[in-house]
Every structure is written in C-alpha cells, then in structure tokens.
PDB file of N, CA and C in Angstrom:
ATOM      1  N   UNK A   1       1.075  -1.583  -0.722  1.00  0.00           N
ATOM      2  CA  UNK A   1       0.387  -0.010   0.573  1.00  0.00           C
ATOM      3  C   UNK A   1       0.603   1.355  -0.164  1.00  0.00           C
ATOM      4  N   UNK A   2       0.442   1.988  -0.834  1.00  0.00           N
ATOM      5  CA  UNK A   2       0.742   3.083  -0.363  1.00  0.00           C
ATOM      6  C   UNK A   2       0.775   4.217   0.824  1.00  0.00           C
ATOM      7  N   UNK A   3       1.884   4.565   1.321  1.00  0.00           N
ATOM      8  CA  UNK A   3       1.860   6.014   2.593  1.00  0.00           C
ATOM      9  C   UNK A   3       0.736   6.516   2.099  1.00  0.00           C
ATOM     10  N   UNK A   4       0.304   7.093   0.798  1.00  0.00           N
ATOM     11  CA  UNK A   4      -1.175   8.114   0.739  1.00  0.00           C
ATOM     12  C   UNK A   4      -2.883   7.502   1.695  1.00  0.00           C
ATOM     13  N   UNK A   5      -2.595   6.023   1.285  1.00  0.00           N
ATOM     14  CA  UNK A   5      -3.634   5.831   0.971  1.00  0.00           C
ATOM     15  C   UNK A   5      -3.464   4.721   2.636  1.00  0.00           C
ATOM     16  N   UNK A   6      -2.385   4.293   3.144  1.00  0.00           N
ATOM     17  CA  UNK A   6      -2.320   3.822   4.492  1.00  0.00           C
ATOM     18  C   UNK A   6      -2.710   5.389   4.809  1.00  0.00           C
ATOM     19  N   UNK A   7      -2.629   6.791   4.863  1.00  0.00           N
ATOM     20  CA  UNK A   7      -2.950   7.801   6.048  1.00  0.00           C
ATOM     21  C   UNK A   7      -4.563   7.891   5.614  1.00  0.00           C
ATOM     22  N   UNK A   8      -5.162   7.341   4.831  1.00  0.00           N
ATOM     23  CA  UNK A   8      -6.721   8.287   5.025  1.00  0.00           C
ATOM     24  C   UNK A   8      -6.744   6.756   5.009  1.00  0.00           C
ATOM     25  N   UNK A   9      -6.661   5.122   5.588  1.00  0.00           N
ATOM     26  CA  UNK A   9      -7.366   3.942   6.670  1.00  0.00           C
ATOM     27  C   UNK A   9      -7.075   4.492   7.641  1.00  0.00           C
ATOM     28  N   UNK A  10      -6.032   4.898   8.509  1.00  0.00           N
ATOM     29  CA  UNK A  10      -6.132   6.195   9.785  1.00  0.00           C
ATOM     30  C   UNK A  10      -6.932   7.441  10.374  1.00  0.00           C
ATOM     31  N   UNK A  11      -7.418   7.981   8.447  1.00  0.00           N
ATOM     32  CA  UNK A  11      -8.482   9.239   9.867  1.00  0.00           C
ATOM     33  C   UNK A  11      -9.282   8.221   9.648  1.00  0.00           C
ATOM     34  N   UNK A  12     -10.015   7.470   8.185  1.00  0.00           N
ATOM     35  CA  UNK A  12     -10.454   7.111   8.593  1.00  0.00           C
ATOM     36  C   UNK A  12     -11.423   6.019   9.926  1.00  0.00           C
ATOM     37  N   UNK A  13     -10.201   4.839  10.263  1.00  0.00           N
ATOM     38  CA  UNK A  13     -10.028   4.960  11.694  1.00  0.00           C
ATOM     39  C   UNK A  13     -10.398   6.150  12.903  1.00  0.00           C
ATOM     40  N   UNK A  14      -9.655   7.104  12.866  1.00  0.00           N
ATOM     41  CA  UNK A  14      -9.738   7.718  13.754  1.00  0.00           C
ATOM     42  C   UNK A  14     -11.460   8.709  13.762  1.00  0.00           C
ATOM     43  N   UNK A  15     -12.454   8.346  13.211  1.00  0.00           N
ATOM     44  CA  UNK A  15     -12.575   9.221  12.450  1.00  0.00           C
ATOM     45  C   UNK A  15     -14.695   8.720  14.015  1.00  0.00           C
ATOM     46  N   UNK A  16     -15.315   9.681  13.849  1.00  0.00           N
ATOM     47  CA  UNK A  16     -16.469   9.413  15.114  1.00  0.00           C
ATOM     48  C   UNK A  16     -17.559   9.012  14.161  1.00  0.00           C
ATOM     49  N   UNK A  17     -18.407   8.334  14.108  1.00  0.00           N
ATOM     50  CA  UNK A  17     -19.252   8.516  12.753  1.00  0.00           C
ATOM     51  C   UNK A  17     -20.841   9.668  14.091  1.00  0.00           C
ATOM     52  N   UNK A  18     -21.252   9.929  13.157  1.00  0.00           N
ATOM     53  CA  UNK A  18     -22.399  11.354  13.585  1.00  0.00           C
ATOM     54  C   UNK A  18     -23.201  10.061  14.571  1.00  0.00           C
ATOM     55  N   UNK A  19     -23.538   8.792  14.748  1.00  0.00           N
ATOM     56  CA  UNK A  19     -24.597   8.480  15.289  1.00  0.00           C
ATOM     57  C   UNK A  19     -24.606   8.320  16.654  1.00  0.00           C
ATOM     58  N   UNK A  20     -23.129   8.152  16.881  1.00  0.00           N
ATOM     59  CA  UNK A  20     -21.264   8.151  17.831  1.00  0.00           C
ATOM     60  C   UNK A  20     -20.931   9.327  18.722  1.00  0.00           C
ATOM     61  N   UNK A  21     -21.990  10.886  17.744  1.00  0.00           N
ATOM     62  CA  UNK A  21     -21.214  11.730  18.727  1.00  0.00           C
ATOM     63  C   UNK A  21     -22.022  11.665  19.750  1.00  0.00           C
ATOM     64  N   UNK A  22     -23.752  11.708  19.102  1.00  0.00           N
ATOM     65  CA  UNK A  22     -24.769  12.485  20.581  1.00  0.00           C
ATOM     66  C   UNK A  22     -25.250  11.541  20.907  1.00  0.00           C
ATOM     67  N   UNK A  23     -24.344  11.044  22.560  1.00  0.00           N
ATOM     68  CA  UNK A  23     -24.657  10.174  23.027  1.00  0.00           C
ATOM     69  C   UNK A  23     -26.227  10.425  23.531  1.00  0.00           C
ATOM     70  N   UNK A  24     -26.864   8.698  23.926  1.00  0.00           N
ATOM     71  CA  UNK A  24     -28.373   9.005  24.223  1.00  0.00           C
ATOM     72  C   UNK A  24     -28.710   9.336  25.582  1.00  0.00           C
ATOM     73  N   UNK A  25     -28.757  10.163  26.438  1.00  0.00           N
ATOM     74  CA  UNK A  25     -29.116  10.187  28.124  1.00  0.00           C
ATOM     75  C   UNK A  25     -30.429   9.991  28.111  1.00  0.00           C
ATOM     76  N   UNK A  26     -30.758   8.664  27.851  1.00  0.00           N
ATOM     77  CA  UNK A  26     -31.877   8.932  29.310  1.00  0.00           C
ATOM     78  C   UNK A  26     -32.312   9.065  30.546  1.00  0.00           C
ATOM     79  N   UNK A  27     -33.757  10.133  30.633  1.00  0.00           N
ATOM     80  CA  UNK A  27     -33.374  10.789  31.932  1.00  0.00           C
ATOM     81  C   UNK A  27     -35.885  11.000  31.947  1.00  0.00           C
ATOM     82  N   UNK A  28     -36.110  11.344  33.015  1.00  0.00           N
ATOM     83  CA  UNK A  28     -37.287  10.193  33.999  1.00  0.00           C
ATOM     84  C   UNK A  28     -38.090  11.558  33.729  1.00  0.00           C
ATOM     85  N   UNK A  29     -38.756  12.065  33.377  1.00  0.00           N
ATOM     86  CA  UNK A  29     -40.121  13.666  33.217  1.00  0.00           C
ATOM     87  C   UNK A  29     -39.452  14.001  34.779  1.00  0.00           C
ATOM     88  N   UNK A  30     -40.047  15.104  35.426  1.00  0.00           N
ATOM     89  CA  UNK A  30     -39.668  15.323  36.805  1.00  0.00           C
ATOM     90  C   UNK A  30     -41.840  15.684  36.935  1.00  0.00           C
ATOM     91  N   UNK A  31     -42.205  15.934  35.408  1.00  0.00           N
ATOM     92  CA  UNK A  31     -43.276  16.223  35.718  1.00  0.00           C
ATOM     93  C   UNK A  31     -44.420  15.288  35.685  1.00  0.00           C
ATOM     94  N   UNK A  32     -44.597  14.289  34.800  1.00  0.00           N
ATOM     95  CA  UNK A  32     -45.088  13.547  33.671  1.00  0.00           C
ATOM     96  C   UNK A  32     -44.498  12.104  34.192  1.00  0.00           C
ATOM     97  N   UNK A  33     -42.708  11.443  34.447  1.00  0.00           N
ATOM     98  CA  UNK A  33     -42.469  10.814  34.957  1.00  0.00           C
ATOM     99  C   UNK A  33     -42.727   9.386  33.427  1.00  0.00           C
ATOM    100  N   UNK A  34     -41.810  10.253  31.969  1.00  0.00           N
ATOM    101  CA  UNK A  34     -41.946   9.526  30.800  1.00  0.00           C
ATOM    102  C   UNK A  34     -40.443   9.879  31.020  1.00  0.00           C
ATOM    103  N   UNK A  35     -40.354   8.926  29.962  1.00  0.00           N
ATOM    104  CA  UNK A  35     -38.159   8.266  30.034  1.00  0.00           C
ATOM    105  C   UNK A  35     -38.656   9.058  29.053  1.00  0.00           C
ATOM    106  N   UNK A  36     -37.050   9.778  28.751  1.00  0.00           N
ATOM    107  CA  UNK A  36     -36.472  10.603  26.742  1.00  0.00           C
ATOM    108  C   UNK A  36     -35.915  11.077  27.655  1.00  0.00           C
ATOM    109  N   UNK A  37     -34.989  11.032  26.660  1.00  0.00           N
ATOM    110  CA  UNK A  37     -33.556  11.703  25.310  1.00  0.00           C
ATOM    111  C   UNK A  37     -33.131  12.298  26.126  1.00  0.00           C
ATOM    112  N   UNK A  38     -32.904  13.197  26.963  1.00  0.00           N
ATOM    113  CA  UNK A  38     -32.761  15.539  27.441  1.00  0.00           C
ATOM    114  C   UNK A  38     -31.496  14.944  26.163  1.00  0.00           C
ATOM    115  N   UNK A  39     -31.090  14.338  25.129  1.00  0.00           N
ATOM    116  CA  UNK A  39     -29.648  14.940  24.274  1.00  0.00           C
ATOM    117  C   UNK A  39     -30.220  15.263  22.810  1.00  0.00           C
ATOM    118  N   UNK A  40     -31.200  14.721  22.779  1.00  0.00           N
ATOM    119  CA  UNK A  40     -32.804  15.285  21.342  1.00  0.00           C
ATOM    120  C   UNK A  40     -32.183  17.212  21.542  1.00  0.00           C
ATOM    121  N   UNK A  41     -32.669  16.941  19.813  1.00  0.00           N
ATOM    122  CA  UNK A  41     -32.854  17.798  19.864  1.00  0.00           C
ATOM    123  C   UNK A  41     -34.047  18.598  19.496  1.00  0.00           C
ATOM    124  N   UNK A  42     -34.766  18.682  20.540  1.00  0.00           N
ATOM    125  CA  UNK A  42     -35.782  18.735  20.338  1.00  0.00           C
ATOM    126  C   UNK A  42     -35.972  20.156  22.381  1.00  0.00           C
ATOM    127  N   UNK A  43     -37.374  20.742  23.059  1.00  0.00           N
ATOM    128  CA  UNK A  43     -37.286  21.180  23.751  1.00  0.00           C
ATOM    129  C   UNK A  43     -36.789  20.583  25.272  1.00  0.00           C
ATOM    130  N   UNK A  44     -36.551  19.589  25.566  1.00  0.00           N
ATOM    131  CA  UNK A  44     -36.650  19.272  26.971  1.00  0.00           C
ATOM    132  C   UNK A  44     -34.298  19.823  27.237  1.00  0.00           C
ATOM    133  N   UNK A  45     -34.822  20.048  28.732  1.00  0.00           N
ATOM    134  CA  UNK A  45     -34.133  20.718  29.616  1.00  0.00           C
ATOM    135  C   UNK A  45     -34.714  21.110  31.151  1.00  0.00           C
ATOM    136  N   UNK A  46     -33.389  20.964  31.742  1.00  0.00           N
ATOM    137  CA  UNK A  46     -32.864  20.882  33.064  1.00  0.00           C
ATOM    138  C   UNK A  46     -33.261  22.223  33.936  1.00  0.00           C
ATOM    139  N   UNK A  47     -35.121  22.204  34.418  1.00  0.00           N
ATOM    140  CA  UNK A  47     -35.202  23.287  35.099  1.00  0.00           C
ATOM    141  C   UNK A  47     -34.405  24.063  36.448  1.00  0.00           C
ATOM    142  N   UNK A  48     -34.438  24.543  36.937  1.00  0.00           N
ATOM    143  CA  UNK A  48     -32.988  24.507  38.486  1.00  0.00           C
ATOM    144  C   UNK A  48     -31.617  24.289  38.131  1.00  0.00           C
ATOM    145  N   UNK A  49     -31.697  23.666  36.481  1.00  0.00           N
ATOM    146  CA  UNK A  49     -29.859  22.849  36.553  1.00  0.00           C
ATOM    147  C   UNK A  49     -30.677  21.580  36.975  1.00  0.00           C
ATOM    148  N   UNK A  50     -32.102  21.257  37.416  1.00  0.00           N
ATOM    149  CA  UNK A  50     -31.348  19.873  38.354  1.00  0.00           C
ATOM    150  C   UNK A  50     -33.338  18.754  37.885  1.00  0.00           C
ATOM    151  N   UNK A  51     -33.678  19.396  37.644  1.00  0.00           N
ATOM    152  CA  UNK A  51     -35.175  18.525  36.796  1.00  0.00           C
ATOM    153  C   UNK A  51     -35.404  18.262  35.869  1.00  0.00           C
ATOM    154  N   UNK A  52     -35.084  16.962  35.628  1.00  0.00           N
ATOM    155  CA  UNK A  52     -35.236  17.173  34.008  1.00  0.00           C
ATOM    156  C   UNK A  52     -36.832  17.119  33.271  1.00  0.00           C
ATOM    157  N   UNK A  53     -36.759  18.011  32.360  1.00  0.00           N
ATOM    158  CA  UNK A  53     -38.554  18.484  31.392  1.00  0.00           C
ATOM    159  C   UNK A  53     -38.069  18.001  30.042  1.00  0.00           C
ATOM    160  N   UNK A  54     -39.419  17.373  30.621  1.00  0.00           N
ATOM    161  CA  UNK A  54     -39.427  16.313  28.781  1.00  0.00           C
ATOM    162  C   UNK A  54     -39.886  17.166  28.033  1.00  0.00           C
ATOM    163  N   UNK A  55     -40.116  17.220  26.291  1.00  0.00           N
ATOM    164  CA  UNK A  55     -40.292  18.022  25.357  1.00  0.00           C
ATOM    165  C   UNK A  55     -41.606  18.577  25.647  1.00  0.00           C
ATOM    166  N   UNK A  56     -42.334  18.005  26.283  1.00  0.00           N
ATOM    167  CA  UNK A  56     -44.426  17.957  26.533  1.00  0.00           C
ATOM    168  C   UNK A  56     -44.311  18.684  27.200  1.00  0.00           C
ATOM    169  N   UNK A  57     -44.154  18.848  28.395  1.00  0.00           N
ATOM    170  CA  UNK A  57     -43.625  19.428  30.087  1.00  0.00           C
ATOM    171  C   UNK A  57     -42.432  20.876  29.376  1.00  0.00           C
ATOM    172  N   UNK A  58     -42.467  20.953  29.072  1.00  0.00           N
ATOM    173  CA  UNK A  58     -40.838  21.951  28.555  1.00  0.00           C
ATOM    174  C   UNK A  58     -42.335  22.720  27.309  1.00  0.00           C
ATOM    175  N   UNK A  59     -42.418  22.640  26.629  1.00  0.00           N
ATOM    176  CA  UNK A  59     -44.274  22.994  26.516  1.00  0.00           C
ATOM    177  C   UNK A  59     -44.651  23.539  26.694  1.00  0.00           C
ATOM    178  N   UNK A  60     -45.825  22.627  26.926  1.00  0.00           N
ATOM    179  CA  UNK A  60     -47.116  23.252  27.974  1.00  0.00           C
ATOM    180  C   UNK A  60     -46.511  24.290  29.413  1.00  0.00           C
ATOM    181  N   UNK A  61     -45.363  24.379  30.584  1.00  0.00           N
ATOM    182  CA  UNK A  61     -44.814  24.330  31.513  1.00  0.00           C
ATOM    183  C   UNK A  61     -43.299  25.481  30.844  1.00  0.00           C
ATOM    184  N   UNK A  62     -43.930  25.984  29.307  1.00  0.00           N
ATOM    185  CA  UNK A  62     -42.985  26.828  29.264  1.00  0.00           C
ATOM    186  C   UNK A  62     -42.715  28.406  30.056  1.00  0.00           C
ATOM    187  N   UNK A  63     -44.139  28.417  30.436  1.00  0.00           N
ATOM    188  CA  UNK A  63     -44.203  30.135  30.899  1.00  0.00           C
ATOM    189  C   UNK A  63     -43.489  30.068  32.062  1.00  0.00           C
ATOM    190  N   UNK A  64     -43.086  29.170  33.164  1.00  0.00           N
ATOM    191  CA  UNK A  64     -42.444  28.993  34.148  1.00  0.00           C
ATOM    192  C   UNK A  64     -41.053  29.143  33.596  1.00  0.00           C
ATOM    193  N   UNK A  65     -40.430  29.128  33.312  1.00  0.00           N
ATOM    194  CA  UNK A  65     -39.313  29.652  32.433  1.00  0.00           C
ATOM    195  C   UNK A  65     -38.034  30.808  32.207  1.00  0.00           C
TER     196      UNK A  65
END
C-alpha cells in the first residue's frame, strides 16, 4: 500500500460516526415521569439545572422558564 492510502485508512479508523457523537442520555421527566432522551434536539431541558423536563412538559409549562 502507498503511504497516502495508509493515511486515509488511519483517518477513517480515528473518525467517529455521527450517530455516536450524540450519546443518548435517558432521563425521567420530573412532572409526567415519562422516559426521554435529554440530548435530543427538542425542547427538553433541566429546570433549575436539576429537574429534567421532557419536550412536552417543557412546552406546556414554558411560561415558568
């Protein structure tokens, strides 16, 4: 193998696929007790940096934010 091909193979081995970049973190909603992924691209967040809110409850109780 040529040096360029070896370098390309090493780059591919070291790269992380997009699916593995976002780690799924399962939380239980403080209000409705539904399990959800806090790292998903939605409205879910931690209220007061402690209590997890799912996307539905975050939207419904959004006026407390």
